[in-house]
N, C-alpha and C. Protein backbone atom coordinates (compact mmCIF):
# COMPACT_ATOMS: atom_id res chain seq x y z
N MET A 1 72.13 85.20 33.57
CA MET A 1 73.09 84.21 33.69
C MET A 1 73.86 83.99 35.43
N ALA A 2 74.03 85.00 35.68
CA ALA A 2 74.61 85.32 37.14
C ALA A 2 73.43 84.56 38.06
N GLN A 3 72.42 84.57 38.04
CA GLN A 3 71.76 83.88 38.96
C GLN A 3 71.21 82.53 38.68
N CYS A 4 71.92 81.87 37.70
CA CYS A 4 71.89 80.31 37.39
C CYS A 4 72.58 79.76 38.24
N GLU A 5 72.15 78.43 38.68
CA GLU A 5 72.55 77.29 39.58
C GLU A 5 74.12 77.11 39.33
N PHE A 6 74.51 77.10 38.12
CA PHE A 6 75.81 76.90 37.71
C PHE A 6 76.83 77.91 38.07
N SER A 7 77.71 77.21 38.89
CA SER A 7 78.68 78.11 39.25
C SER A 7 80.23 77.96 38.41
N TYR A 8 80.33 76.84 37.50
CA TYR A 8 81.18 76.62 36.79
C TYR A 8 81.59 77.79 35.85
N LYS A 9 82.67 78.32 35.58
CA LYS A 9 82.89 79.41 34.73
C LYS A 9 84.13 78.93 33.85
N GLY A 10 84.54 77.79 33.49
CA GLY A 10 85.77 77.32 32.57
C GLY A 10 85.72 77.64 31.28
N TYR A 11 86.48 76.99 30.53
CA TYR A 11 86.66 77.00 29.11
C TYR A 11 85.31 76.51 28.30
N ASN A 12 84.75 77.59 27.47
CA ASN A 12 83.47 77.36 26.60
C ASN A 12 82.29 77.40 27.80
N TYR A 13 82.29 78.00 28.62
CA TYR A 13 81.26 77.88 29.60
C TYR A 13 79.89 78.53 29.07
N LYS A 14 80.03 79.64 28.34
CA LYS A 14 78.59 80.14 27.84
C LYS A 14 78.15 79.08 26.68
N LYS A 15 79.20 78.71 25.93
CA LYS A 15 78.62 77.64 24.65
C LYS A 15 78.23 76.64 25.34
N ASN A 16 78.82 76.06 26.33
CA ASN A 16 77.93 74.62 27.09
C ASN A 16 76.56 75.16 27.63
N ILE A 17 76.49 76.21 28.43
CA ILE A 17 75.24 76.40 28.95
C ILE A 17 74.10 76.56 27.66
N ARG A 18 74.60 77.48 26.57
CA ARG A 18 73.50 77.75 25.47
C ARG A 18 73.03 76.28 24.80
N GLU A 19 73.98 75.35 24.88
CA GLU A 19 73.72 74.01 24.03
C GLU A 19 72.89 73.24 25.10
N MET A 20 72.94 73.50 26.20
CA MET A 20 72.32 72.71 27.26
C MET A 20 70.62 73.18 27.09
N SER A 21 70.68 74.74 27.00
CA SER A 21 69.37 74.95 27.11
C SER A 21 68.73 75.00 25.88
N ASN A 22 69.25 74.90 24.78
CA ASN A 22 68.75 74.88 23.57
C ASN A 22 68.16 73.21 23.30
N SER A 23 68.95 72.18 24.00
CA SER A 23 68.47 70.93 23.79
C SER A 23 67.34 70.82 24.72
N LYS A 24 67.34 71.31 25.82
CA LYS A 24 66.05 71.37 26.52
C LYS A 24 64.75 71.82 25.59
N ARG A 25 64.85 72.89 25.19
CA ARG A 25 64.12 73.77 24.35
C ARG A 25 63.52 72.60 23.16
N ALA A 26 64.44 72.21 22.65
CA ALA A 26 64.04 71.24 21.40
C ALA A 26 63.35 70.19 22.03
N ASN A 27 63.82 69.55 22.91
CA ASN A 27 62.92 68.07 23.43
C ASN A 27 61.75 68.45 24.01
N ASP A 28 61.40 70.07 24.37
CA ASP A 28 60.07 70.51 24.66
C ASP A 28 59.18 70.60 23.55
N ASN A 29 59.56 70.84 22.60
CA ASN A 29 58.93 71.25 21.49
C ASN A 29 58.25 69.73 20.48
N ILE A 30 58.78 68.47 21.02
CA ILE A 30 58.46 67.41 20.58
C ILE A 30 57.15 67.12 21.12
N PRO A 31 56.01 66.88 20.14
CA PRO A 31 54.88 66.49 20.80
C PRO A 31 54.73 65.16 21.33
N GLY A 32 54.08 64.98 22.31
CA GLY A 32 53.85 63.71 23.39
C GLY A 32 52.74 63.03 22.53
N PRO A 33 52.57 61.72 22.88
CA PRO A 33 51.37 61.16 22.36
C PRO A 33 50.30 61.32 23.08
N THR A 34 49.24 61.59 22.11
CA THR A 34 47.96 61.91 22.61
C THR A 34 46.85 60.82 22.67
N GLN A 35 45.93 60.69 23.21
CA GLN A 35 44.80 59.65 23.19
C GLN A 35 43.86 59.71 22.39
N GLU A 36 43.79 61.34 21.38
CA GLU A 36 42.69 61.45 20.27
C GLU A 36 43.03 60.44 19.36
N GLY A 37 43.87 60.15 18.54
CA GLY A 37 43.89 59.21 17.39
C GLY A 37 44.48 58.19 17.59
N VAL A 38 44.44 57.56 18.81
CA VAL A 38 44.82 56.13 19.15
C VAL A 38 43.84 55.42 19.18
N ARG A 39 43.89 54.12 18.37
CA ARG A 39 42.92 53.20 18.69
C ARG A 39 43.58 51.90 19.27
N PRO A 40 42.59 51.25 20.02
CA PRO A 40 42.95 50.07 20.62
C PRO A 40 43.47 49.05 19.93
N MET A 41 44.32 48.17 20.38
CA MET A 41 44.96 47.06 19.63
C MET A 41 43.87 46.15 18.93
N GLU A 42 42.83 45.93 19.50
CA GLU A 42 41.87 45.07 19.02
C GLU A 42 41.37 45.60 17.93
N GLU A 43 40.97 47.02 17.76
CA GLU A 43 40.52 47.60 16.42
C GLU A 43 41.56 47.31 15.04
N TYR A 44 43.13 47.48 15.68
CA TYR A 44 43.89 47.30 14.51
C TYR A 44 43.67 45.61 14.16
N LEU A 45 43.52 44.80 15.09
CA LEU A 45 43.83 43.68 14.62
C LEU A 45 42.36 43.36 14.01
N GLN A 46 41.21 43.77 14.33
CA GLN A 46 40.08 43.77 13.42
C GLN A 46 40.09 44.34 12.03
N VAL A 47 40.70 45.33 11.86
CA VAL A 47 41.02 45.82 10.40
C VAL A 47 41.87 45.04 9.69
N LEU A 48 42.90 44.49 10.33
CA LEU A 48 43.86 43.57 9.72
C LEU A 48 43.06 42.34 9.24
N GLU A 49 42.22 41.84 10.09
CA GLU A 49 41.43 40.47 9.70
C GLU A 49 40.59 40.70 8.42
N GLU A 50 39.99 41.94 8.65
CA GLU A 50 39.24 42.12 7.42
C GLU A 50 40.00 42.31 5.91
N GLU A 51 41.11 42.99 6.24
CA GLU A 51 41.88 43.13 5.22
C GLU A 51 42.38 41.81 4.60
N LYS A 52 42.76 41.11 5.48
CA LYS A 52 43.31 39.33 5.32
C LYS A 52 42.05 38.54 4.44
N MET A 53 41.01 39.01 5.03
CA MET A 53 39.66 38.37 4.32
C MET A 53 39.48 38.70 2.77
N HIS A 54 39.71 40.14 2.65
CA HIS A 54 39.36 40.82 1.32
C HIS A 54 40.52 40.12 0.28
N LEU A 55 41.60 39.93 0.91
CA LEU A 55 42.84 39.52 0.11
C LEU A 55 42.76 37.96 -0.37
N ARG A 56 42.23 37.29 0.47
CA ARG A 56 41.89 35.76 0.51
C ARG A 56 40.93 35.85 -0.66
N LEU A 57 39.82 36.64 -0.65
CA LEU A 57 38.71 36.52 -1.75
C LEU A 57 39.49 37.26 -3.00
N ASP A 58 40.18 38.13 -3.08
CA ASP A 58 41.02 38.43 -4.20
C ASP A 58 41.86 37.44 -4.93
N VAL A 59 42.54 36.67 -4.05
CA VAL A 59 43.07 35.38 -4.39
C VAL A 59 42.44 34.61 -5.17
N ASP A 60 41.02 34.10 -4.34
CA ASP A 60 40.22 33.15 -5.18
C ASP A 60 39.67 33.58 -6.32
N VAL A 61 39.54 34.65 -6.24
CA VAL A 61 39.07 35.29 -7.91
C VAL A 61 39.96 35.13 -8.82
N GLN A 62 41.39 35.63 -8.58
CA GLN A 62 42.71 35.40 -9.44
C GLN A 62 42.73 34.08 -9.79
N LYS A 63 42.77 32.89 -8.74
CA LYS A 63 42.80 31.67 -9.23
C LYS A 63 41.65 31.27 -10.14
N LEU A 64 40.41 31.47 -9.93
CA LEU A 64 39.55 31.16 -10.73
C LEU A 64 39.48 31.61 -12.39
N GLU A 65 40.10 33.04 -12.43
CA GLU A 65 40.27 33.63 -13.78
C GLU A 65 41.54 32.77 -14.31
N THR A 66 42.64 32.67 -13.49
CA THR A 66 43.49 31.79 -14.15
C THR A 66 43.00 30.48 -14.68
N GLU A 67 42.41 29.60 -13.80
CA GLU A 67 41.99 28.58 -14.31
C GLU A 67 41.18 28.79 -15.60
N LYS A 68 40.15 29.50 -15.62
CA LYS A 68 39.24 29.96 -16.82
C LYS A 68 40.22 29.90 -18.14
N LEU A 69 41.14 30.95 -18.10
CA LEU A 69 42.20 31.28 -19.08
C LEU A 69 42.91 29.96 -19.31
N ARG A 70 43.42 29.23 -18.56
CA ARG A 70 44.15 27.78 -18.63
C ARG A 70 43.34 26.99 -19.41
N LYS A 71 42.05 26.66 -19.06
CA LYS A 71 41.28 25.92 -19.95
C LYS A 71 40.90 26.29 -21.34
N GLY A 72 40.92 27.88 -21.50
CA GLY A 72 40.62 28.20 -22.72
C GLY A 72 41.70 28.18 -23.69
N LYS A 73 42.95 28.14 -23.04
CA LYS A 73 44.08 28.28 -23.74
C LYS A 73 44.30 26.78 -24.24
N ASN A 74 44.09 25.65 -23.32
CA ASN A 74 44.08 24.22 -23.60
C ASN A 74 43.14 23.83 -25.14
N LYS A 75 41.97 24.51 -24.72
CA LYS A 75 40.91 24.17 -25.84
C LYS A 75 41.33 24.77 -27.28
N ALA A 76 42.12 25.97 -26.84
CA ALA A 76 42.55 26.64 -28.05
C ALA A 76 43.69 25.62 -28.87
N GLU A 77 44.56 25.41 -28.16
CA GLU A 77 45.71 24.45 -28.53
C GLU A 77 45.17 23.14 -29.04
N GLU A 78 43.83 22.18 -28.52
CA GLU A 78 43.45 21.42 -29.31
C GLU A 78 42.99 21.66 -30.51
N ASP A 79 42.42 22.66 -30.49
CA ASP A 79 41.36 23.24 -31.71
C ASP A 79 42.56 23.44 -32.85
N LEU A 80 43.50 24.05 -32.35
CA LEU A 80 44.63 24.54 -33.44
C LEU A 80 45.30 23.04 -33.91
N LYS A 81 45.56 22.04 -33.16
CA LYS A 81 46.04 20.64 -33.39
C LYS A 81 45.03 19.97 -34.33
N SER A 82 43.84 20.15 -34.15
CA SER A 82 42.81 19.27 -34.72
C SER A 82 42.86 19.97 -36.26
N LEU A 83 42.77 21.22 -36.43
CA LEU A 83 42.93 22.12 -37.65
C LEU A 83 44.05 21.59 -38.25
N LYS A 84 45.29 21.68 -37.73
CA LYS A 84 46.25 21.09 -38.45
C LYS A 84 46.26 19.86 -39.08
N THR A 85 45.45 18.92 -38.36
CA THR A 85 45.46 17.69 -38.90
C THR A 85 44.67 17.73 -39.95
N ASP A 86 43.61 18.15 -39.95
CA ASP A 86 42.62 18.34 -41.12
C ASP A 86 43.18 19.00 -42.29
N TYR A 87 43.74 20.09 -42.03
CA TYR A 87 44.31 20.84 -43.00
C TYR A 87 45.48 19.75 -43.91
N LYS A 88 46.22 19.04 -43.09
CA LYS A 88 47.26 18.10 -43.67
C LYS A 88 46.15 16.93 -44.45
N LYS A 89 45.24 16.46 -44.19
CA LYS A 89 44.44 15.58 -44.70
C LYS A 89 43.79 16.11 -45.93
N LEU A 90 43.30 17.43 -45.97
CA LEU A 90 42.80 18.15 -47.05
C LEU A 90 43.86 18.33 -48.21
N ARG A 91 44.95 18.43 -47.59
CA ARG A 91 46.35 18.68 -48.72
C ARG A 91 46.35 17.35 -49.41
N LEU A 92 46.48 16.23 -48.59
CA LEU A 92 46.85 14.83 -49.38
C LEU A 92 45.70 14.67 -50.07
N SER A 93 44.36 14.87 -49.87
CA SER A 93 43.30 14.59 -50.73
C SER A 93 43.47 15.17 -51.97
N ILE A 94 43.90 16.65 -52.01
CA ILE A 94 43.78 17.53 -53.26
C ILE A 94 45.06 17.13 -53.99
N ARG A 95 46.07 16.48 -53.37
CA ARG A 95 47.07 16.02 -54.21
C ARG A 95 46.96 14.64 -54.96
N THR A 96 46.03 13.71 -54.27
CA THR A 96 45.62 12.70 -54.84
C THR A 96 44.81 12.90 -56.03
N ALA A 97 43.79 13.69 -55.62
CA ALA A 97 42.69 13.85 -56.75
C ALA A 97 43.25 14.82 -57.98
N GLY A 98 44.33 15.37 -57.82
CA GLY A 98 45.14 16.33 -58.75
C GLY A 98 44.29 17.50 -58.82
N LEU A 99 43.70 18.22 -57.62
CA LEU A 99 43.16 19.37 -57.82
C LEU A 99 44.18 20.31 -57.23
N GLY A 100 45.34 19.95 -56.99
CA GLY A 100 46.37 20.87 -56.43
C GLY A 100 47.21 21.43 -57.54
N LYS A 101 46.48 21.34 -58.91
CA LYS A 101 47.22 22.15 -59.69
C LYS A 101 47.15 23.48 -59.96
N THR A 102 47.97 24.42 -60.57
CA THR A 102 47.68 25.74 -60.68
C THR A 102 47.07 25.64 -62.19
N SER A 103 46.49 26.81 -62.32
CA SER A 103 45.72 27.21 -63.80
C SER A 103 47.03 26.97 -64.95
N GLU A 104 48.17 27.46 -64.75
CA GLU A 104 49.19 27.29 -65.90
C GLU A 104 49.44 25.68 -66.26
N GLN A 105 48.98 25.00 -64.99
CA GLN A 105 49.64 23.45 -65.11
C GLN A 105 48.28 22.74 -65.92
N TRP A 106 47.08 23.32 -65.56
CA TRP A 106 45.84 22.99 -66.30
C TRP A 106 45.88 23.04 -67.78
N CYS A 107 46.55 24.15 -68.05
CA CYS A 107 46.62 24.81 -69.56
C CYS A 107 47.36 23.96 -70.32
N GLN A 108 48.57 23.73 -69.61
CA GLN A 108 49.65 23.09 -70.23
C GLN A 108 49.09 21.46 -70.47
N GLU A 109 48.23 21.11 -69.53
CA GLU A 109 47.59 19.77 -69.71
C GLU A 109 46.87 19.58 -70.76
N ILE A 110 45.73 20.66 -70.80
CA ILE A 110 44.64 20.90 -72.12
C ILE A 110 45.87 20.80 -73.25
N ARG A 111 46.50 21.62 -73.27
CA ARG A 111 47.49 21.63 -74.72
C ARG A 111 47.83 20.14 -75.13
N GLU A 112 48.66 19.47 -74.00
CA GLU A 112 48.65 18.21 -74.41
C GLU A 112 48.02 17.35 -74.81
N GLU A 113 46.76 17.55 -74.20
CA GLU A 113 45.74 16.40 -74.32
C GLU A 113 45.18 16.94 -75.97
N LYS A 114 44.97 18.17 -76.41
CA LYS A 114 44.81 18.78 -77.51
C LYS A 114 45.54 18.02 -78.55
N ILE A 115 47.04 18.16 -78.35
CA ILE A 115 47.89 17.42 -79.45
C ILE A 115 47.66 15.97 -79.65
N LYS A 116 47.45 15.39 -78.50
CA LYS A 116 47.41 13.89 -78.49
C LYS A 116 45.94 13.79 -79.39
N ALA A 117 44.78 14.57 -79.19
CA ALA A 117 43.62 14.23 -79.86
C ALA A 117 43.89 14.58 -81.28
N ASP A 118 44.46 15.62 -81.49
CA ASP A 118 44.77 16.15 -83.17
C ASP A 118 45.79 14.90 -83.79
N ARG A 119 46.56 14.21 -82.97
CA ARG A 119 47.53 13.44 -83.65
C ARG A 119 46.53 11.78 -83.82
N TRP A 120 45.49 11.45 -83.15
CA TRP A 120 44.77 10.46 -83.10
C TRP A 120 43.69 10.72 -84.30
N GLU A 121 43.11 12.15 -84.49
CA GLU A 121 42.34 12.24 -85.63
C GLU A 121 43.16 12.08 -86.99
N ARG A 122 44.35 12.60 -87.02
CA ARG A 122 45.08 12.53 -88.05
C ARG A 122 45.37 11.08 -88.62
N LYS A 123 45.53 10.14 -87.44
CA LYS A 123 46.04 8.92 -87.91
C LYS A 123 44.52 8.01 -88.25
N PHE A 124 43.24 8.45 -87.87
CA PHE A 124 42.05 7.89 -88.21
C PHE A 124 41.58 8.23 -89.56
N GLN A 125 42.09 9.70 -89.94
CA GLN A 125 41.77 10.35 -91.15
C GLN A 125 42.81 9.59 -92.32
N GLU A 126 43.88 9.26 -92.04
CA GLU A 126 44.80 8.56 -92.99
C GLU A 126 44.22 7.12 -93.16
N ALA A 127 43.91 6.32 -92.31
CA ALA A 127 43.40 5.09 -92.37
C ALA A 127 42.25 4.96 -92.94
């Protein structure tokens, strides 16, 4: 240190010298830019253009798939609406034809008709 060009020997002299020399060493250890891995700006732009084109194609494919799904959904909704209408018509026709009765209701109706038939038979036999 005696041969150093600094002639100042004040408060914290050694500490200041140490900090200055260490900071110089720390800056020397930082690697500078090399020309090995560096691509020209035109190559970067070309890569970006290619990526942009691929993204556009992906977006177009997604739009087509979305449109296809939307059409399928609309068709399914129309089919469901048509089925509901057909079901309502069928239920109405079953009700008007009397086919909507349960087996118990049919059995009850048959019993009532048998009772009526027996009553008429007795009336004819009495007469």
